[in-house]
Amino acid sequence: MSGVDWPGLMRAGMRGFGLKPAEFWALTPAELELMLGKPGGVAPLGRARLEDLMRAFPDQVSNSKDGFDGSD
C-alpha cells in the first residue's frame, strides 16, 4: 500500500510555490495535481456524459406561477 507523501507535497506547495499553509490546505486535490503538472487528470465533462447525468438527475419543473409547488 502506498501512502500520500504529505511532507513532499507540503514542500512543493509551500517552498516551491510559496503558498501559506492555509492556502496549501485549501487546495482541492485536482488543483494540487494541476499545479504539480501531474498528467492523466480527469477528462473534462463531455456532451454524452452531461446527457447521461441529465437523464439520471432531471430538473424538477414547478407548475405554479411563483415557482413553488407547495411541497417541502
N, C-alpha and C. Protein backbone atom coordinates (compact mmCIF):
# COMPACT_ATOMS: atom_id res chain seq x y z
N MET A 1 0.85 -1.18 0.00
CA MET A 1 0.00 0.00 0.00
C MET A 1 0.89 1.24 0.00
N SER A 2 0.63 2.15 -0.92
CA SER A 2 1.42 3.38 -0.96
C SER A 2 0.59 4.52 -0.39
N GLY A 3 1.22 5.29 0.49
CA GLY A 3 0.54 6.41 1.11
C GLY A 3 0.83 7.71 0.38
N VAL A 4 0.22 8.74 0.84
CA VAL A 4 0.43 10.07 0.28
C VAL A 4 1.69 10.65 0.90
N ASP A 5 2.54 11.21 0.07
CA ASP A 5 3.78 11.84 0.54
C ASP A 5 3.46 13.28 0.97
N TRP A 6 2.82 13.41 2.15
CA TRP A 6 2.44 14.75 2.61
C TRP A 6 3.63 15.68 2.79
N PRO A 7 4.74 15.23 3.39
CA PRO A 7 5.88 16.14 3.51
C PRO A 7 6.37 16.65 2.15
N GLY A 8 6.42 15.74 1.17
CA GLY A 8 6.85 16.15 -0.17
C GLY A 8 5.87 17.12 -0.82
N LEU A 9 4.58 16.85 -0.66
CA LEU A 9 3.57 17.75 -1.22
C LEU A 9 3.59 19.11 -0.54
N MET A 10 3.78 19.10 0.78
CA MET A 10 3.84 20.37 1.51
C MET A 10 5.07 21.17 1.10
N ARG A 11 6.22 20.48 0.92
CA ARG A 11 7.42 21.19 0.46
C ARG A 11 7.19 21.81 -0.92
N ALA A 12 6.57 21.03 -1.82
CA ALA A 12 6.30 21.55 -3.17
C ALA A 12 5.37 22.75 -3.11
N GLY A 13 4.33 22.66 -2.29
CA GLY A 13 3.37 23.76 -2.22
C GLY A 13 3.89 24.99 -1.51
N MET A 14 4.53 24.78 -0.36
CA MET A 14 4.93 25.92 0.46
C MET A 14 6.29 26.48 0.08
N ARG A 15 7.24 25.61 -0.20
CA ARG A 15 8.55 26.11 -0.61
C ARG A 15 8.59 26.39 -2.11
N GLY A 16 8.11 25.41 -2.88
CA GLY A 16 8.18 25.54 -4.33
C GLY A 16 7.27 26.63 -4.89
N PHE A 17 6.03 26.67 -4.42
CA PHE A 17 5.07 27.65 -4.94
C PHE A 17 4.88 28.84 -4.02
N GLY A 18 5.47 28.79 -2.82
CA GLY A 18 5.36 29.91 -1.89
C GLY A 18 3.99 30.06 -1.27
N LEU A 19 3.24 28.97 -1.18
CA LEU A 19 1.92 29.04 -0.57
C LEU A 19 2.03 29.11 0.94
N LYS A 20 1.10 29.81 1.56
CA LYS A 20 0.98 29.80 3.01
C LYS A 20 0.29 28.49 3.39
N PRO A 21 0.51 27.99 4.61
CA PRO A 21 -0.13 26.73 4.99
C PRO A 21 -1.64 26.70 4.74
N ALA A 22 -2.33 27.77 5.09
CA ALA A 22 -3.79 27.80 4.87
C ALA A 22 -4.12 27.71 3.39
N GLU A 23 -3.31 28.33 2.54
CA GLU A 23 -3.54 28.26 1.09
C GLU A 23 -3.32 26.83 0.58
N PHE A 24 -2.27 26.18 1.09
CA PHE A 24 -2.00 24.80 0.70
C PHE A 24 -3.17 23.90 1.07
N TRP A 25 -3.62 23.98 2.32
CA TRP A 25 -4.67 23.08 2.78
C TRP A 25 -6.03 23.42 2.18
N ALA A 26 -6.18 24.61 1.62
CA ALA A 26 -7.45 24.98 0.97
C ALA A 26 -7.55 24.45 -0.46
N LEU A 27 -6.42 23.97 -1.02
CA LEU A 27 -6.44 23.43 -2.38
C LEU A 27 -7.23 22.13 -2.44
N THR A 28 -7.90 21.93 -3.56
CA THR A 28 -8.52 20.63 -3.80
C THR A 28 -7.45 19.71 -4.37
N PRO A 29 -7.64 18.41 -4.30
CA PRO A 29 -6.66 17.51 -4.92
C PRO A 29 -6.47 17.81 -6.41
N ALA A 30 -7.53 18.15 -7.12
CA ALA A 30 -7.42 18.46 -8.55
C ALA A 30 -6.56 19.71 -8.77
N GLU A 31 -6.73 20.72 -7.93
CA GLU A 31 -5.91 21.94 -8.05
C GLU A 31 -4.45 21.64 -7.78
N LEU A 32 -4.19 20.83 -6.78
CA LEU A 32 -2.81 20.47 -6.45
C LEU A 32 -2.18 19.68 -7.60
N GLU A 33 -2.91 18.73 -8.16
CA GLU A 33 -2.39 17.97 -9.29
C GLU A 33 -2.09 18.88 -10.47
N LEU A 34 -2.96 19.84 -10.73
CA LEU A 34 -2.75 20.78 -11.83
C LEU A 34 -1.50 21.61 -11.60
N MET A 35 -1.31 22.10 -10.39
CA MET A 35 -0.13 22.91 -10.07
C MET A 35 1.16 22.11 -10.21
N LEU A 36 1.08 20.82 -9.83
CA LEU A 36 2.27 19.97 -9.90
C LEU A 36 2.50 19.41 -11.29
N GLY A 37 1.58 19.67 -12.21
CA GLY A 37 1.74 19.20 -13.57
C GLY A 37 1.56 17.71 -13.72
N LYS A 38 0.78 17.12 -12.83
CA LYS A 38 0.57 15.68 -12.87
C LYS A 38 -0.27 15.32 -14.09
N PRO A 39 0.26 14.45 -14.96
CA PRO A 39 -0.51 14.06 -16.14
C PRO A 39 -1.62 13.08 -15.79
N GLY A 40 -2.55 12.95 -16.70
CA GLY A 40 -3.61 11.95 -16.53
C GLY A 40 -4.70 12.35 -15.58
N GLY A 41 -4.97 13.64 -15.47
CA GLY A 41 -6.06 14.09 -14.62
C GLY A 41 -7.40 13.67 -15.20
N VAL A 42 -8.44 14.06 -14.57
CA VAL A 42 -9.79 13.73 -15.00
C VAL A 42 -10.11 14.50 -16.28
N ALA A 43 -10.67 13.79 -17.24
CA ALA A 43 -11.06 14.42 -18.51
C ALA A 43 -12.22 15.37 -18.28
N PRO A 44 -12.31 16.43 -19.08
CA PRO A 44 -13.44 17.35 -18.95
C PRO A 44 -14.75 16.63 -19.25
N LEU A 45 -15.82 17.16 -18.70
CA LEU A 45 -17.14 16.60 -18.92
C LEU A 45 -17.54 16.78 -20.37
N GLY A 46 -17.82 15.68 -21.05
CA GLY A 46 -18.23 15.72 -22.45
C GLY A 46 -19.75 15.77 -22.57
N ARG A 47 -20.22 16.04 -23.78
CA ARG A 47 -21.66 16.17 -24.02
C ARG A 47 -22.40 14.88 -23.68
N ALA A 48 -21.84 13.73 -24.06
CA ALA A 48 -22.52 12.46 -23.82
C ALA A 48 -22.68 12.22 -22.32
N ARG A 49 -21.64 12.50 -21.54
CA ARG A 49 -21.73 12.30 -20.09
C ARG A 49 -22.71 13.29 -19.47
N LEU A 50 -22.73 14.52 -19.96
CA LEU A 50 -23.69 15.52 -19.48
C LEU A 50 -25.11 15.03 -19.73
N GLU A 51 -25.38 14.49 -20.92
CA GLU A 51 -26.71 13.99 -21.22
C GLU A 51 -27.07 12.80 -20.33
N ASP A 52 -26.10 11.92 -20.04
CA ASP A 52 -26.34 10.82 -19.10
C ASP A 52 -26.75 11.35 -17.73
N LEU A 53 -26.02 12.36 -17.26
CA LEU A 53 -26.33 12.94 -15.95
C LEU A 53 -27.69 13.63 -15.95
N MET A 54 -28.02 14.31 -17.05
CA MET A 54 -29.32 14.99 -17.15
C MET A 54 -30.47 13.98 -17.11
N ARG A 55 -30.28 12.82 -17.74
CA ARG A 55 -31.31 11.77 -17.69
C ARG A 55 -31.41 11.18 -16.29
N ALA A 56 -30.28 10.98 -15.66
CA ALA A 56 -30.27 10.39 -14.32
C ALA A 56 -30.80 11.33 -13.25
N PHE A 57 -30.56 12.62 -13.41
CA PHE A 57 -30.95 13.62 -12.41
C PHE A 57 -31.68 14.78 -13.09
N PRO A 58 -32.92 14.55 -13.55
CA PRO A 58 -33.64 15.62 -14.26
C PRO A 58 -34.01 16.76 -13.33
N ASP A 59 -34.06 17.96 -13.92
CA ASP A 59 -34.54 19.12 -13.17
C ASP A 59 -36.02 18.93 -12.88
N GLN A 60 -36.43 19.36 -11.69
CA GLN A 60 -37.85 19.29 -11.37
C GLN A 60 -38.49 20.59 -11.81
N VAL A 61 -39.62 20.48 -12.50
CA VAL A 61 -40.31 21.65 -13.02
C VAL A 61 -41.52 21.93 -12.15
N SER A 62 -41.66 23.19 -11.75
CA SER A 62 -42.79 23.61 -10.93
C SER A 62 -43.94 24.02 -11.83
N ASN A 63 -45.16 23.72 -11.41
CA ASN A 63 -46.36 24.08 -12.17
C ASN A 63 -47.02 25.35 -11.67
N SER A 64 -46.50 25.97 -10.61
CA SER A 64 -47.13 27.16 -10.05
C SER A 64 -46.52 28.43 -10.63
N LYS A 65 -47.26 29.54 -10.51
CA LYS A 65 -46.82 30.82 -11.05
C LYS A 65 -45.62 31.39 -10.29
N ASP A 66 -45.55 31.16 -8.98
CA ASP A 66 -44.49 31.75 -8.17
C ASP A 66 -43.23 30.89 -8.12
N GLY A 67 -43.26 29.73 -8.77
CA GLY A 67 -42.09 28.87 -8.78
C GLY A 67 -42.06 27.85 -7.66
N PHE A 68 -43.03 27.93 -6.77
CA PHE A 68 -43.08 26.99 -5.66
C PHE A 68 -44.26 26.07 -5.87
N ASP A 69 -44.07 24.80 -5.66
CA ASP A 69 -45.17 23.86 -5.87
C ASP A 69 -45.87 23.45 -4.57
N GLY A 70 -45.45 24.05 -3.46
CA GLY A 70 -46.10 23.82 -2.19
C GLY A 70 -45.57 22.64 -1.41
N SER A 71 -44.67 21.88 -2.01
CA SER A 71 -44.12 20.74 -1.28
C SER A 71 -42.84 21.13 -0.58
N ASP A 72 -42.53 20.44 0.50
CA ASP A 72 -41.30 20.70 1.25
C ASP A 72 -40.43 19.50 1.26
